[in-house]
Structures are given as C-alpha cells and as structure tokens.
Amino acid sequence: MNIDNILQTITVISSILMVLTILLQQRGASLGAGFGSSGELFTTRRGIDKSLFDATVVLAVIFILSILVGLILPASN
C-alpha cells in the first residue's frame, strides 16, 4: 500500500463515520421548524450528545486534512 491508497482509505472511512455521527445527533427541531416557525431553545450539550458533537468535529478535521495532504503530496505512480 502506498500513501495515496492510505489517504483515500482514511478519507472514505472518515466521511462515512462523519455522516453517521451527524445522523445520530438529535436536534430539537420539530416539523414547524421546516416552515420557518422554529421555537428552539439553545442549551449546552451534555453526555452522549457532547461526545457525538466532539467526534463529528474530529472526523471533519481528519477528513479535511486527509484531502489537503492528498492534494499537497505529489501523486506517485
């Protein structure tokens, strides 16, 4: 395995995990929020919600860094 394959694997895995963590997060939005009448109450994140949020941020950083490193490094054939 060369560095290109490793970076592509990291990018794909981090993107799939990021999508999963985003979908697992709960939002306080109801059906009315889709039509502009959201009565959301902003609270602090606690417990598993905070852990999911932190994991999403870490996965997003890994995803972006893997793309940038893949762009910076010369392609090896």
PDB file of N, CA and C in Angstrom:
ATOM      1  N   MET A   1       0.846  -1.189   0.000  1.00  0.00           N
ATOM      2  CA  MET A   1       0.000   0.000   0.000  1.00  0.00           C
ATOM      3  C   MET A   1       0.890   1.250   0.000  1.00  0.00           C
ATOM      4  N   ASN A   2       0.573   2.141  -0.886  1.00  0.00           N
ATOM      5  CA  ASN A   2       1.311   3.397  -0.890  1.00  0.00           C
ATOM      6  C   ASN A   2       0.505   4.470  -0.172  1.00  0.00           C
ATOM      7  N   ILE A   3       1.078   5.632  -0.058  1.00  0.00           N
ATOM      8  CA  ILE A   3       0.472   6.716   0.716  1.00  0.00           C
ATOM      9  C   ILE A   3      -0.847   7.190   0.103  1.00  0.00           C
ATOM     10  N   ASP A   4      -0.968   7.102  -1.218  1.00  0.00           N
ATOM     11  CA  ASP A   4      -2.217   7.523  -1.873  1.00  0.00           C
ATOM     12  C   ASP A   4      -3.384   6.634  -1.452  1.00  0.00           C
ATOM     13  N   ASN A   5      -3.148   5.329  -1.416  1.00  0.00           N
ATOM     14  CA  ASN A   5      -4.211   4.404  -1.003  1.00  0.00           C
ATOM     15  C   ASN A   5      -4.590   4.604   0.456  1.00  0.00           C
ATOM     16  N   ILE A   6      -3.592   4.857   1.284  1.00  0.00           N
ATOM     17  CA  ILE A   6      -3.867   5.081   2.706  1.00  0.00           C
ATOM     18  C   ILE A   6      -4.693   6.347   2.898  1.00  0.00           C
ATOM     19  N   LEU A   7      -4.332   7.416   2.193  1.00  0.00           N
ATOM     20  CA  LEU A   7      -5.088   8.675   2.312  1.00  0.00           C
ATOM     21  C   LEU A   7      -6.513   8.527   1.787  1.00  0.00           C
ATOM     22  N   GLN A   8      -6.678   7.796   0.700  1.00  0.00           N
ATOM     23  CA  GLN A   8      -8.021   7.570   0.174  1.00  0.00           C
ATOM     24  C   GLN A   8      -8.868   6.755   1.137  1.00  0.00           C
ATOM     25  N   THR A   9      -8.254   5.761   1.769  1.00  0.00           N
ATOM     26  CA  THR A   9      -8.970   4.946   2.754  1.00  0.00           C
ATOM     27  C   THR A   9      -9.366   5.781   3.961  1.00  0.00           C
ATOM     28  N   ILE A  10      -8.460   6.608   4.440  1.00  0.00           N
ATOM     29  CA  ILE A  10      -8.766   7.491   5.577  1.00  0.00           C
ATOM     30  C   ILE A  10      -9.885   8.456   5.215  1.00  0.00           C
ATOM     31  N   THR A  11      -9.863   8.993   4.004  1.00  0.00           N
ATOM     32  CA  THR A  11     -10.892   9.929   3.573  1.00  0.00           C
ATOM     33  C   THR A  11     -12.257   9.264   3.523  1.00  0.00           C
ATOM     34  N   VAL A  12     -12.324   8.072   2.940  1.00  0.00           N
ATOM     35  CA  VAL A  12     -13.611   7.371   2.820  1.00  0.00           C
ATOM     36  C   VAL A  12     -14.153   6.969   4.188  1.00  0.00           C
ATOM     37  N   ILE A  13     -13.302   6.406   5.031  1.00  0.00           N
ATOM     38  CA  ILE A  13     -13.747   5.969   6.355  1.00  0.00           C
ATOM     39  C   ILE A  13     -14.180   7.156   7.205  1.00  0.00           C
ATOM     40  N   SER A  14     -13.417   8.244   7.179  1.00  0.00           N
ATOM     41  CA  SER A  14     -13.791   9.411   7.980  1.00  0.00           C
ATOM     42  C   SER A  14     -15.079  10.046   7.460  1.00  0.00           C
ATOM     43  N   SER A  15     -15.306  10.017   6.145  1.00  0.00           N
ATOM     44  CA  SER A  15     -16.543  10.595   5.622  1.00  0.00           C
ATOM     45  C   SER A  15     -17.753   9.759   6.025  1.00  0.00           C
ATOM     46  N   ILE A  16     -17.630   8.438   5.969  1.00  0.00           N
ATOM     47  CA  ILE A  16     -18.751   7.573   6.364  1.00  0.00           C
ATOM     48  C   ILE A  16     -19.051   7.735   7.848  1.00  0.00           C
ATOM     49  N   LEU A  17     -18.015   7.745   8.674  1.00  0.00           N
ATOM     50  CA  LEU A  17     -18.223   7.916  10.113  1.00  0.00           C
ATOM     51  C   LEU A  17     -18.781   9.295  10.444  1.00  0.00           C
ATOM     52  N   MET A  18     -18.352  10.316   9.695  1.00  0.00           N
ATOM     53  CA  MET A  18     -18.869  11.661   9.928  1.00  0.00           C
ATOM     54  C   MET A  18     -20.359  11.741   9.600  1.00  0.00           C
ATOM     55  N   VAL A  19     -20.765  11.126   8.504  1.00  0.00           N
ATOM     56  CA  VAL A  19     -22.185  11.111   8.147  1.00  0.00           C
ATOM     57  C   VAL A  19     -22.988  10.393   9.221  1.00  0.00           C
ATOM     58  N   LEU A  20     -22.475   9.281   9.728  1.00  0.00           N
ATOM     59  CA  LEU A  20     -23.180   8.545  10.775  1.00  0.00           C
ATOM     60  C   LEU A  20     -23.308   9.357  12.058  1.00  0.00           C
ATOM     61  N   THR A  21     -22.231  10.040  12.461  1.00  0.00           N
ATOM     62  CA  THR A  21     -22.318  10.833  13.692  1.00  0.00           C
ATOM     63  C   THR A  21     -23.247  12.031  13.519  1.00  0.00           C
ATOM     64  N   ILE A  22     -23.305  12.593  12.315  1.00  0.00           N
ATOM     65  CA  ILE A  22     -24.232  13.695  12.078  1.00  0.00           C
ATOM     66  C   ILE A  22     -25.667  13.198  12.154  1.00  0.00           C
ATOM     67  N   LEU A  23     -25.929  12.033  11.578  1.00  0.00           N
ATOM     68  CA  LEU A  23     -27.289  11.498  11.601  1.00  0.00           C
ATOM     69  C   LEU A  23     -27.720  11.059  12.995  1.00  0.00           C
ATOM     70  N   LEU A  24     -26.775  10.684  13.843  1.00  0.00           N
ATOM     71  CA  LEU A  24     -27.117  10.258  15.196  1.00  0.00           C
ATOM     72  C   LEU A  24     -27.411  11.426  16.142  1.00  0.00           C
ATOM     73  N   GLN A  25     -26.980  12.610  15.777  1.00  0.00           N
ATOM     74  CA  GLN A  25     -27.209  13.755  16.650  1.00  0.00           C
ATOM     75  C   GLN A  25     -28.680  14.145  16.635  1.00  0.00           C
ATOM     76  N   GLN A  26     -29.180  14.510  17.796  1.00  0.00           N
ATOM     77  CA  GLN A  26     -30.570  14.922  17.915  1.00  0.00           C
ATOM     78  C   GLN A  26     -30.653  16.430  17.857  1.00  0.00           C
ATOM     79  N   ARG A  27     -31.665  16.907  17.156  1.00  0.00           N
ATOM     80  CA  ARG A  27     -31.950  18.334  17.116  1.00  0.00           C
ATOM     81  C   ARG A  27     -33.327  18.541  17.704  1.00  0.00           C
ATOM     82  N   GLY A  28     -33.520  19.673  18.331  1.00  0.00           N
ATOM     83  CA  GLY A  28     -34.801  19.985  18.930  1.00  0.00           C
ATOM     84  C   GLY A  28     -35.794  20.558  17.946  1.00  0.00           C
ATOM     85  N   ALA A  29     -35.573  20.350  16.682  1.00  0.00           N
ATOM     86  CA  ALA A  29     -36.452  20.920  15.665  1.00  0.00           C
ATOM     87  C   ALA A  29     -37.626  19.988  15.404  1.00  0.00           C
ATOM     88  N   SER A  30     -38.785  20.564  15.335  1.00  0.00           N
ATOM     89  CA  SER A  30     -39.968  19.789  15.007  1.00  0.00           C
ATOM     90  C   SER A  30     -40.356  20.075  13.562  1.00  0.00           C
ATOM     91  N   LEU A  31     -41.525  19.625  13.172  1.00  0.00           N
ATOM     92  CA  LEU A  31     -41.976  19.822  11.798  1.00  0.00           C
ATOM     93  C   LEU A  31     -42.158  21.299  11.484  1.00  0.00           C
ATOM     94  N   GLY A  32     -42.508  22.095  12.464  1.00  0.00           N
ATOM     95  CA  GLY A  32     -42.700  23.526  12.245  1.00  0.00           C
ATOM     96  C   GLY A  32     -41.408  24.253  11.913  1.00  0.00           C
ATOM     97  N   ALA A  33     -40.279  23.683  12.305  1.00  0.00           N
ATOM     98  CA  ALA A  33     -39.002  24.331  12.016  1.00  0.00           C
ATOM     99  C   ALA A  33     -38.708  24.331  10.527  1.00  0.00           C
ATOM    100  N   GLY A  34     -39.236  23.356   9.826  1.00  0.00           N
ATOM    101  CA  GLY A  34     -39.027  23.298   8.389  1.00  0.00           C
ATOM    102  C   GLY A  34     -39.752  24.394   7.647  1.00  0.00           C
ATOM    103  N   PHE A  35     -40.764  24.964   8.269  1.00  0.00           N
ATOM    104  CA  PHE A  35     -41.549  26.022   7.633  1.00  0.00           C
ATOM    105  C   PHE A  35     -41.258  27.400   8.213  1.00  0.00           C
ATOM    106  N   GLY A  36     -40.189  27.504   8.980  1.00  0.00           N
ATOM    107  CA  GLY A  36     -39.742  28.808   9.454  1.00  0.00           C
ATOM    108  C   GLY A  36     -40.222  29.207  10.829  1.00  0.00           C
ATOM    109  N   SER A  37     -41.040  28.403  11.471  1.00  0.00           N
ATOM    110  CA  SER A  37     -41.533  28.792  12.800  1.00  0.00           C
ATOM    111  C   SER A  37     -40.896  27.895  13.860  1.00  0.00           C
ATOM    112  N   SER A  38     -39.596  28.017  13.977  1.00  0.00           N
ATOM    113  CA  SER A  38     -38.911  27.169  14.951  1.00  0.00           C
ATOM    114  C   SER A  38     -38.860  27.875  16.299  1.00  0.00           C
ATOM    115  N   GLY A  39     -39.239  27.167  17.316  1.00  0.00           N
ATOM    116  CA  GLY A  39     -39.157  27.691  18.671  1.00  0.00           C
ATOM    117  C   GLY A  39     -38.065  26.968  19.422  1.00  0.00           C
ATOM    118  N   GLU A  40     -36.855  27.000  18.900  1.00  0.00           N
ATOM    119  CA  GLU A  40     -35.768  26.241  19.501  1.00  0.00           C
ATOM    120  C   GLU A  40     -35.258  26.911  20.763  1.00  0.00           C
ATOM    121  N   LEU A  41     -34.858  26.089  21.690  1.00  0.00           N
ATOM    122  CA  LEU A  41     -34.232  26.544  22.922  1.00  0.00           C
ATOM    123  C   LEU A  41     -32.792  26.050  22.900  1.00  0.00           C
ATOM    124  N   PHE A  42     -31.860  26.969  22.956  1.00  0.00           N
ATOM    125  CA  PHE A  42     -30.457  26.595  22.874  1.00  0.00           C
ATOM    126  C   PHE A  42     -29.939  26.256  24.266  1.00  0.00           C
ATOM    127  N   THR A  43     -29.468  25.038  24.404  1.00  0.00           N
ATOM    128  CA  THR A  43     -28.929  24.575  25.679  1.00  0.00           C
ATOM    129  C   THR A  43     -27.517  24.054  25.451  1.00  0.00           C
ATOM    130  N   THR A  44     -26.825  23.782  26.535  1.00  0.00           N
ATOM    131  CA  THR A  44     -25.481  23.228  26.412  1.00  0.00           C
ATOM    132  C   THR A  44     -25.572  21.739  26.133  1.00  0.00           C
ATOM    133  N   ARG A  45     -24.578  21.227  25.438  1.00  0.00           N
ATOM    134  CA  ARG A  45     -24.551  19.804  25.121  1.00  0.00           C
ATOM    135  C   ARG A  45     -23.996  19.050  26.320  1.00  0.00           C
ATOM    136  N   ARG A  46     -24.620  17.903  26.605  1.00  0.00           N
ATOM    137  CA  ARG A  46     -24.175  17.093  27.730  1.00  0.00           C
ATOM    138  C   ARG A  46     -24.214  15.626  27.352  1.00  0.00           C
ATOM    139  N   GLY A  47     -23.398  14.844  28.004  1.00  0.00           N
ATOM    140  CA  GLY A  47     -23.425  13.394  27.848  1.00  0.00           C
ATOM    141  C   GLY A  47     -23.061  12.934  26.448  1.00  0.00           C
ATOM    142  N   ILE A  48     -23.871  12.023  25.934  1.00  0.00           N
ATOM    143  CA  ILE A  48     -23.597  11.415  24.636  1.00  0.00           C
ATOM    144  C   ILE A  48     -23.728  12.434  23.511  1.00  0.00           C
ATOM    145  N   ASP A  49     -24.573  13.433  23.689  1.00  0.00           N
ATOM    146  CA  ASP A  49     -24.733  14.466  22.658  1.00  0.00           C
ATOM    147  C   ASP A  49     -23.440  15.256  22.488  1.00  0.00           C
ATOM    148  N   LYS A  50     -22.775  15.557  23.586  1.00  0.00           N
ATOM    149  CA  LYS A  50     -21.493  16.269  23.516  1.00  0.00           C
ATOM    150  C   LYS A  50     -20.422  15.386  22.908  1.00  0.00           C
ATOM    151  N   SER A  51     -20.426  14.106  23.265  1.00  0.00           N
ATOM    152  CA  SER A  51     -19.445  13.176  22.704  1.00  0.00           C
ATOM    153  C   SER A  51     -19.621  13.026  21.197  1.00  0.00           C
ATOM    154  N   LEU A  52     -20.868  12.936  20.736  1.00  0.00           N
ATOM    155  CA  LEU A  52     -21.134  12.842  19.303  1.00  0.00           C
ATOM    156  C   LEU A  52     -20.713  14.109  18.578  1.00  0.00           C
ATOM    157  N   PHE A  53     -20.972  15.256  19.192  1.00  0.00           N
ATOM    158  CA  PHE A  53     -20.573  16.526  18.589  1.00  0.00           C
ATOM    159  C   PHE A  53     -19.055  16.617  18.476  1.00  0.00           C
ATOM    160  N   ASP A  54     -18.357  16.246  19.546  1.00  0.00           N
ATOM    161  CA  ASP A  54     -16.887  16.280  19.522  1.00  0.00           C
ATOM    162  C   ASP A  54     -16.327  15.305  18.491  1.00  0.00           C
ATOM    163  N   ALA A  55     -16.927  14.113  18.413  1.00  0.00           N
ATOM    164  CA  ALA A  55     -16.472  13.125  17.430  1.00  0.00           C
ATOM    165  C   ALA A  55     -16.704  13.631  16.006  1.00  0.00           C
ATOM    166  N   THR A  56     -17.808  14.339  15.783  1.00  0.00           N
ATOM    167  CA  THR A  56     -18.086  14.888  14.463  1.00  0.00           C
ATOM    168  C   THR A  56     -17.048  15.927  14.075  1.00  0.00           C
ATOM    169  N   VAL A  57     -16.680  16.769  15.016  1.00  0.00           N
ATOM    170  CA  VAL A  57     -15.670  17.793  14.746  1.00  0.00           C
ATOM    171  C   VAL A  57     -14.322  17.141  14.440  1.00  0.00           C
ATOM    172  N   VAL A  58     -13.938  16.139  15.214  1.00  0.00           N
ATOM    173  CA  VAL A  58     -12.662  15.453  14.991  1.00  0.00           C
ATOM    174  C   VAL A  58     -12.664  14.760  13.633  1.00  0.00           C
ATOM    175  N   LEU A  59     -13.760  14.087  13.293  1.00  0.00           N
ATOM    176  CA  LEU A  59     -13.834  13.410  11.995  1.00  0.00           C
ATOM    177  C   LEU A  59     -13.813  14.407  10.839  1.00  0.00           C
ATOM    178  N   ALA A  60     -14.427  15.562  11.015  1.00  0.00           N
ATOM    179  CA  ALA A  60     -14.392  16.581   9.964  1.00  0.00           C
ATOM    180  C   ALA A  60     -12.974  17.102   9.756  1.00  0.00           C
ATOM    181  N   VAL A  61     -12.239  17.284  10.847  1.00  0.00           N
ATOM    182  CA  VAL A  61     -10.851  17.751  10.737  1.00  0.00           C
ATOM    183  C   VAL A  61      -9.992  16.689  10.058  1.00  0.00           C
ATOM    184  N   ILE A  62     -10.171  15.419  10.428  1.00  0.00           N
ATOM    185  CA  ILE A  62      -9.423  14.334   9.785  1.00  0.00           C
ATOM    186  C   ILE A  62      -9.754  14.264   8.299  1.00  0.00           C
ATOM    187  N   PHE A  63     -11.032  14.415   7.964  1.00  0.00           N
ATOM    188  CA  PHE A  63     -11.468  14.371   6.568  1.00  0.00           C
ATOM    189  C   PHE A  63     -10.810  15.485   5.750  1.00  0.00           C
ATOM    190  N   ILE A  64     -10.856  16.698   6.276  1.00  0.00           N
ATOM    191  CA  ILE A  64     -10.278  17.839   5.548  1.00  0.00           C
ATOM    192  C   ILE A  64      -8.764  17.717   5.439  1.00  0.00           C
ATOM    193  N   LEU A  65      -8.110  17.309   6.523  1.00  0.00           N
ATOM    194  CA  LEU A  65      -6.656  17.160   6.482  1.00  0.00           C
ATOM    195  C   LEU A  65      -6.222  16.070   5.508  1.00  0.00           C
ATOM    196  N   SER A  66      -6.968  14.976   5.444  1.00  0.00           N
ATOM    197  CA  SER A  66      -6.596  13.911   4.518  1.00  0.00           C
ATOM    198  C   SER A  66      -6.738  14.368   3.067  1.00  0.00           C
ATOM    199  N   ILE A  67      -7.737  15.186   2.792  1.00  0.00           N
ATOM    200  CA  ILE A  67      -7.890  15.733   1.440  1.00  0.00           C
ATOM    201  C   ILE A  67      -6.757  16.706   1.129  1.00  0.00           C
ATOM    202  N   LEU A  68      -6.437  17.594   2.072  1.00  0.00           N
ATOM    203  CA  LEU A  68      -5.371  18.567   1.838  1.00  0.00           C
ATOM    204  C   LEU A  68      -4.014  17.896   1.676  1.00  0.00           C
ATOM    205  N   VAL A  69      -3.725  16.889   2.483  1.00  0.00           N
ATOM    206  CA  VAL A  69      -2.459  16.174   2.354  1.00  0.00           C
ATOM    207  C   VAL A  69      -2.400  15.459   1.015  1.00  0.00           C
ATOM    208  N   GLY A  70      -3.531  14.894   0.576  1.00  0.00           N
ATOM    209  CA  GLY A  70      -3.563  14.254  -0.731  1.00  0.00           C
ATOM    210  C   GLY A  70      -3.347  15.219  -1.876  1.00  0.00           C
ATOM    211  N   LEU A  71      -3.767  16.461  -1.699  1.00  0.00           N
ATOM    212  CA  LEU A  71      -3.545  17.466  -2.735  1.00  0.00           C
ATOM    213  C   LEU A  71      -2.123  17.996  -2.736  1.00  0.00           C
ATOM    214  N   ILE A  72      -1.516  18.078  -1.551  1.00  0.00           N
ATOM    215  CA  ILE A  72      -0.173  18.646  -1.445  1.00  0.00           C
ATOM    216  C   ILE A  72       0.893  17.654  -1.892  1.00  0.00           C
ATOM    217  N   LEU A  73       0.740  16.393  -1.482  1.00  0.00           N
ATOM    218  CA  LEU A  73       1.745  15.400  -1.841  1.00  0.00           C
ATOM    219  C   LEU A  73       1.662  15.089  -3.330  1.00  0.00           C
ATOM    220  N   PRO A  74       2.803  14.930  -3.956  1.00  0.00           N
ATOM    221  CA  PRO A  74       2.777  14.575  -5.384  1.00  0.00           C
ATOM    222  C   PRO A  74       2.265  13.154  -5.578  1.00  0.00           C
ATOM    223  N   ALA A  75       1.532  12.952  -6.648  1.00  0.00           N
ATOM    224  CA  ALA A  75       0.985  11.629  -6.933  1.00  0.00           C
ATOM    225  C   ALA A  75       2.111  10.692  -7.343  1.00  0.00           C
ATOM    226  N   SER A  76       2.178   9.554  -6.690  1.00  0.00           N
ATOM    227  CA  SER A  76       3.223   8.584  -7.031  1.00  0.00           C
ATOM    228  C   SER A  76       2.611   7.486  -7.886  1.00  0.00           C
ATOM    229  N   ASN A  77       3.218   7.257  -9.027  1.00  0.00           N
ATOM    230  CA  ASN A  77       2.698   6.240  -9.956  1.00  0.00           C
ATOM    231  C   ASN A  77       3.518   4.997  -9.930  1.00  0.00           C
TER     232      ASN A  77
END
